């Protein structure tokens, strides 16, 4: 994926790619205008990675996250009432089958052994503590997003 991304970004010399352990990687402070994560945060200690992201963003920089949450409320169950049939319908359109193949299910089962899914209230509280003013939104298919803009010096 990095090779493909590098090829696509050849005409953008300011884009850099690194294959590394983000928890061990020394990210410079105030380095990035934009940081995005896609279904990554649930694999990491959320407080630690959000603090790294906060430090790594330049003033005025933006963090966007899309990840998975653990249901914990009646509202979550109501969303399941829409998400479950919609997910089945989309899978049928895409694959013609109601369930993923056995090897796909096995791969997901193995993959999920170390995942940690927080509830939306937990995510909201962590963001309030670390990324004040972050917008945490629920989405269909057990997803949530975080949108946060780091204050500029004039806002501090």
C-alpha atoms as a PDB file:
ATOM      1  CA  UNK A   1       0.000   0.000   0.000  1.00  0.00           C
ATOM      2  CA  UNK A   2       2.847   2.392   0.754  1.00  0.00           C
ATOM      3  CA  UNK A   3       4.402   1.704  -2.658  1.00  0.00           C
ATOM      4  CA  UNK A   4       1.112   2.450  -4.405  1.00  0.00           C
ATOM      5  CA  UNK A   5       0.602   5.596  -2.324  1.00  0.00           C
ATOM      6  CA  UNK A   6       4.138   6.775  -3.096  1.00  0.00           C
ATOM      7  CA  UNK A   7       3.548   6.270  -6.807  1.00  0.00           C
ATOM      8  CA  UNK A   8       0.296   8.210  -6.612  1.00  0.00           C
ATOM      9  CA  UNK A   9       1.981  11.011  -4.669  1.00  0.00           C
ATOM     10  CA  UNK A  10       5.132  11.346  -6.804  1.00  0.00           C
ATOM     11  CA  UNK A  11       4.125  14.840  -7.896  1.00  0.00           C
ATOM     12  CA  UNK A  12       3.758  15.950  -4.239  1.00  0.00           C
ATOM     13  CA  UNK A  13       7.342  16.100  -2.916  1.00  0.00           C
ATOM     14  CA  UNK A  14       6.226  17.201   0.572  1.00  0.00           C
ATOM     15  CA  UNK A  15       4.407  13.922   1.235  1.00  0.00           C
ATOM     16  CA  UNK A  16       6.451  11.365   3.156  1.00  0.00           C
ATOM     17  CA  UNK A  17       5.654   7.733   3.959  1.00  0.00           C
ATOM     18  CA  UNK A  18       6.978   5.584   6.773  1.00  0.00           C
ATOM     19  CA  UNK A  19       6.445   1.918   7.555  1.00  0.00           C
ATOM     20  CA  UNK A  20       6.925   1.708  11.302  1.00  0.00           C
ATOM     21  CA  UNK A  21       5.381   1.188  14.710  1.00  0.00           C
ATOM     22  CA  UNK A  22       3.598   4.489  15.331  1.00  0.00           C
ATOM     23  CA  UNK A  23       3.850   3.995  19.086  1.00  0.00           C
ATOM     24  CA  UNK A  24       7.662   3.832  18.908  1.00  0.00           C
ATOM     25  CA  UNK A  25       8.090   6.368  16.097  1.00  0.00           C
ATOM     26  CA  UNK A  26       9.297   9.790  17.218  1.00  0.00           C
ATOM     27  CA  UNK A  27       6.891  12.186  15.522  1.00  0.00           C
ATOM     28  CA  UNK A  28       8.181  15.768  15.569  1.00  0.00           C
ATOM     29  CA  UNK A  29       6.038  18.331  17.387  1.00  0.00           C
ATOM     30  CA  UNK A  30       3.999  20.798  15.321  1.00  0.00           C
ATOM     31  CA  UNK A  31       4.889  18.992  12.085  1.00  0.00           C
ATOM     32  CA  UNK A  32       1.614  18.178  10.312  1.00  0.00           C
ATOM     33  CA  UNK A  33      -1.265  20.179   8.860  1.00  0.00           C
ATOM     34  CA  UNK A  34      -3.518  17.125   8.680  1.00  0.00           C
ATOM     35  CA  UNK A  35      -3.571  13.673  10.270  1.00  0.00           C
ATOM     36  CA  UNK A  36      -6.151  11.035   9.352  1.00  0.00           C
ATOM     37  CA  UNK A  37      -6.697   7.541  10.705  1.00  0.00           C
ATOM     38  CA  UNK A  38      -8.984   4.897   9.288  1.00  0.00           C
ATOM     39  CA  UNK A  39     -10.017   2.047  11.609  1.00  0.00           C
ATOM     40  CA  UNK A  40      -6.674   2.234  13.415  1.00  0.00           C
ATOM     41  CA  UNK A  41      -7.318   3.750  16.844  1.00  0.00           C
ATOM     42  CA  UNK A  42      -8.993   0.607  18.243  1.00  0.00           C
ATOM     43  CA  UNK A  43      -5.663  -1.212  17.787  1.00  0.00           C
ATOM     44  CA  UNK A  44      -3.739   1.322  19.900  1.00  0.00           C
ATOM     45  CA  UNK A  45      -3.794   2.787  23.405  1.00  0.00           C
ATOM     46  CA  UNK A  46      -6.174   5.624  22.571  1.00  0.00           C
ATOM     47  CA  UNK A  47      -4.998   8.162  25.153  1.00  0.00           C
ATOM     48  CA  UNK A  48      -1.358   7.778  24.138  1.00  0.00           C
ATOM     49  CA  UNK A  49      -1.960   8.012  20.399  1.00  0.00           C
ATOM     50  CA  UNK A  50      -4.296  11.003  20.718  1.00  0.00           C
ATOM     51  CA  UNK A  51      -1.652  12.850  22.753  1.00  0.00           C
ATOM     52  CA  UNK A  52       0.947  12.061  20.052  1.00  0.00           C
ATOM     53  CA  UNK A  53      -1.423  13.325  17.377  1.00  0.00           C
ATOM     54  CA  UNK A  54      -2.174  16.495  19.353  1.00  0.00           C
ATOM     55  CA  UNK A  55       1.550  17.241  19.684  1.00  0.00           C
ATOM     56  CA  UNK A  56       2.311  16.372  16.054  1.00  0.00           C
ATOM     57  CA  UNK A  57      -0.270  18.745  14.560  1.00  0.00           C
ATOM     58  CA  UNK A  58       0.705  22.306  13.741  1.00  0.00           C
ATOM     59  CA  UNK A  59      -1.459  25.031  15.274  1.00  0.00           C
ATOM     60  CA  UNK A  60      -4.575  25.106  13.095  1.00  0.00           C
ATOM     61  CA  UNK A  61      -3.922  21.499  11.994  1.00  0.00           C
ATOM     62  CA  UNK A  62      -6.799  19.054  11.639  1.00  0.00           C
ATOM     63  CA  UNK A  63      -7.231  15.485  12.885  1.00  0.00           C
ATOM     64  CA  UNK A  64      -9.866  13.222  11.317  1.00  0.00           C
ATOM     65  CA  UNK A  65     -10.558   9.702  12.533  1.00  0.00           C
ATOM     66  CA  UNK A  66     -13.011   7.036  11.455  1.00  0.00           C
ATOM     67  CA  UNK A  67     -13.117   3.997  13.697  1.00  0.00           C
ATOM     68  CA  UNK A  68     -15.321   1.372  15.345  1.00  0.00           C
ATOM     69  CA  UNK A  69     -17.175   1.603  18.643  1.00  0.00           C
ATOM     70  CA  UNK A  70     -18.743  -0.863  21.087  1.00  0.00           C
ATOM     71  CA  UNK A  71     -22.490  -0.612  21.503  1.00  0.00           C
ATOM     72  CA  UNK A  72     -23.597   0.347  25.008  1.00  0.00           C
ATOM     73  CA  UNK A  73     -27.004   1.998  24.822  1.00  0.00           C
ATOM     74  CA  UNK A  74     -30.502   1.666  23.481  1.00  0.00           C
ATOM     75  CA  UNK A  75     -29.618   4.190  20.763  1.00  0.00           C
ATOM     76  CA  UNK A  76     -26.741   1.937  19.680  1.00  0.00           C
ATOM     77  CA  UNK A  77     -29.180  -0.982  19.423  1.00  0.00           C
ATOM     78  CA  UNK A  78     -31.565   1.150  17.359  1.00  0.00           C
ATOM     79  CA  UNK A  79     -28.704   1.925  14.975  1.00  0.00           C
ATOM     80  CA  UNK A  80     -28.036  -1.838  14.815  1.00  0.00           C
ATOM     81  CA  UNK A  81     -31.630  -2.236  13.644  1.00  0.00           C
ATOM     82  CA  UNK A  82     -30.712  -0.217  10.556  1.00  0.00           C
ATOM     83  CA  UNK A  83     -27.084  -1.314  10.187  1.00  0.00           C
ATOM     84  CA  UNK A  84     -27.634  -5.089  10.284  1.00  0.00           C
ATOM     85  CA  UNK A  85     -30.102  -5.323   7.382  1.00  0.00           C
ATOM     86  CA  UNK A  86     -28.237  -2.624   5.430  1.00  0.00           C
ATOM     87  CA  UNK A  87     -24.960  -4.500   5.887  1.00  0.00           C
ATOM     88  CA  UNK A  88     -26.588  -7.737   4.734  1.00  0.00           C
ATOM     89  CA  UNK A  89     -28.124  -6.002   1.715  1.00  0.00           C
ATOM     90  CA  UNK A  90     -24.809  -4.413   0.695  1.00  0.00           C
ATOM     91  CA  UNK A  91     -22.959  -7.719   1.131  1.00  0.00           C
ATOM     92  CA  UNK A  92     -25.538  -9.469  -1.073  1.00  0.00           C
ATOM     93  CA  UNK A  93     -25.121  -6.807  -3.757  1.00  0.00           C
ATOM     94  CA  UNK A  94     -21.326  -6.976  -3.578  1.00  0.00           C
ATOM     95  CA  UNK A  95     -20.767 -10.734  -3.231  1.00  0.00           C
ATOM     96  CA  UNK A  96     -24.113 -12.405  -3.856  1.00  0.00           C
ATOM     97  CA  UNK A  97     -23.762 -14.184  -0.501  1.00  0.00           C
ATOM     98  CA  UNK A  98     -25.326 -13.392   2.885  1.00  0.00           C
ATOM     99  CA  UNK A  99     -22.122 -14.172   4.798  1.00  0.00           C
ATOM    100  CA  UNK A 100     -18.440 -13.664   4.077  1.00  0.00           C
ATOM    101  CA  UNK A 101     -16.448 -16.742   3.052  1.00  0.00           C
ATOM    102  CA  UNK A 102     -15.158 -18.969   5.881  1.00  0.00           C
ATOM    103  CA  UNK A 103     -11.535 -17.808   5.376  1.00  0.00           C
ATOM    104  CA  UNK A 104     -12.632 -14.155   5.625  1.00  0.00           C
ATOM    105  CA  UNK A 105     -14.570 -14.848   8.836  1.00  0.00           C
ATOM    106  CA  UNK A 106     -11.565 -16.720  10.254  1.00  0.00           C
ATOM    107  CA  UNK A 107      -9.236 -13.839   9.339  1.00  0.00           C
ATOM    108  CA  UNK A 108     -11.537 -11.342  11.080  1.00  0.00           C
ATOM    109  CA  UNK A 109     -11.796 -13.574  14.153  1.00  0.00           C
ATOM    110  CA  UNK A 110      -7.997 -13.706  14.388  1.00  0.00           C
ATOM    111  CA  UNK A 111      -7.703  -9.984  13.708  1.00  0.00           C
ATOM    112  CA  UNK A 112     -10.204  -9.090  16.453  1.00  0.00           C
ATOM    113  CA  UNK A 113      -8.393 -10.989  19.216  1.00  0.00           C
ATOM    114  CA  UNK A 114      -6.389  -7.905  20.212  1.00  0.00           C
ATOM    115  CA  UNK A 115      -8.914  -5.195  19.293  1.00  0.00           C
ATOM    116  CA  UNK A 116     -10.334  -2.903  21.962  1.00  0.00           C
ATOM    117  CA  UNK A 117     -13.604  -1.177  21.162  1.00  0.00           C
ATOM    118  CA  UNK A 118     -14.660   1.672  23.410  1.00  0.00           C
ATOM    119  CA  UNK A 119     -18.190   2.957  23.811  1.00  0.00           C
ATOM    120  CA  UNK A 120     -19.169   6.342  22.402  1.00  0.00           C
ATOM    121  CA  UNK A 121     -19.385   7.898  25.890  1.00  0.00           C
ATOM    122  CA  UNK A 122     -15.859   6.618  26.657  1.00  0.00           C
ATOM    123  CA  UNK A 123     -14.537   8.013  23.375  1.00  0.00           C
ATOM    124  CA  UNK A 124     -16.277  11.333  24.025  1.00  0.00           C
ATOM    125  CA  UNK A 125     -14.737  11.633  27.499  1.00  0.00           C
ATOM    126  CA  UNK A 126     -11.241  10.774  26.287  1.00  0.00           C
ATOM    127  CA  UNK A 127     -11.542  13.336  23.495  1.00  0.00           C
ATOM    128  CA  UNK A 128     -12.847  15.973  25.938  1.00  0.00           C
ATOM    129  CA  UNK A 129      -9.760  15.383  28.102  1.00  0.00           C
ATOM    130  CA  UNK A 130      -7.153  15.259  25.306  1.00  0.00           C
ATOM    131  CA  UNK A 131      -8.686  17.034  22.290  1.00  0.00           C
ATOM    132  CA  UNK A 132     -10.934  19.717  23.776  1.00  0.00           C
ATOM    133  CA  UNK A 133     -13.639  20.790  21.362  1.00  0.00           C
ATOM    134  CA  UNK A 134     -13.404  17.610  19.252  1.00  0.00           C
ATOM    135  CA  UNK A 135     -16.578  16.609  17.465  1.00  0.00           C
ATOM    136  CA  UNK A 136     -17.351  12.921  18.008  1.00  0.00           C
ATOM    137  CA  UNK A 137     -20.116  11.639  15.716  1.00  0.00           C
ATOM    138  CA  UNK A 138     -21.868   8.302  15.411  1.00  0.00           C
ATOM    139  CA  UNK A 139     -22.131   6.745  11.942  1.00  0.00           C
ATOM    140  CA  UNK A 140     -23.851   3.701  10.545  1.00  0.00           C
ATOM    141  CA  UNK A 141     -22.120   0.298  10.563  1.00  0.00           C
ATOM    142  CA  UNK A 142     -20.713   0.654  14.096  1.00  0.00           C
ATOM    143  CA  UNK A 143     -18.462   3.573  13.114  1.00  0.00           C
ATOM    144  CA  UNK A 144     -17.728   6.887  14.742  1.00  0.00           C
ATOM    145  CA  UNK A 145     -15.650   9.848  13.666  1.00  0.00           C
ATOM    146  CA  UNK A 146     -13.538  12.392  15.468  1.00  0.00           C
ATOM    147  CA  UNK A 147     -12.972  15.801  13.911  1.00  0.00           C
ATOM    148  CA  UNK A 148     -10.626  18.138  15.762  1.00  0.00           C
ATOM    149  CA  UNK A 149      -8.786  21.307  14.874  1.00  0.00           C
ATOM    150  CA  UNK A 150      -5.810  22.307  16.988  1.00  0.00           C
ATOM    151  CA  UNK A 151      -5.968  25.845  18.252  1.00  0.00           C
ATOM    152  CA  UNK A 152      -3.792  28.478  16.618  1.00  0.00           C
ATOM    153  CA  UNK A 153      -1.601  30.737  18.757  1.00  0.00           C
ATOM    154  CA  UNK A 154      -4.194  33.529  18.470  1.00  0.00           C
ATOM    155  CA  UNK A 155      -6.868  31.188  19.920  1.00  0.00           C
ATOM    156  CA  UNK A 156      -4.720  30.102  22.876  1.00  0.00           C
END
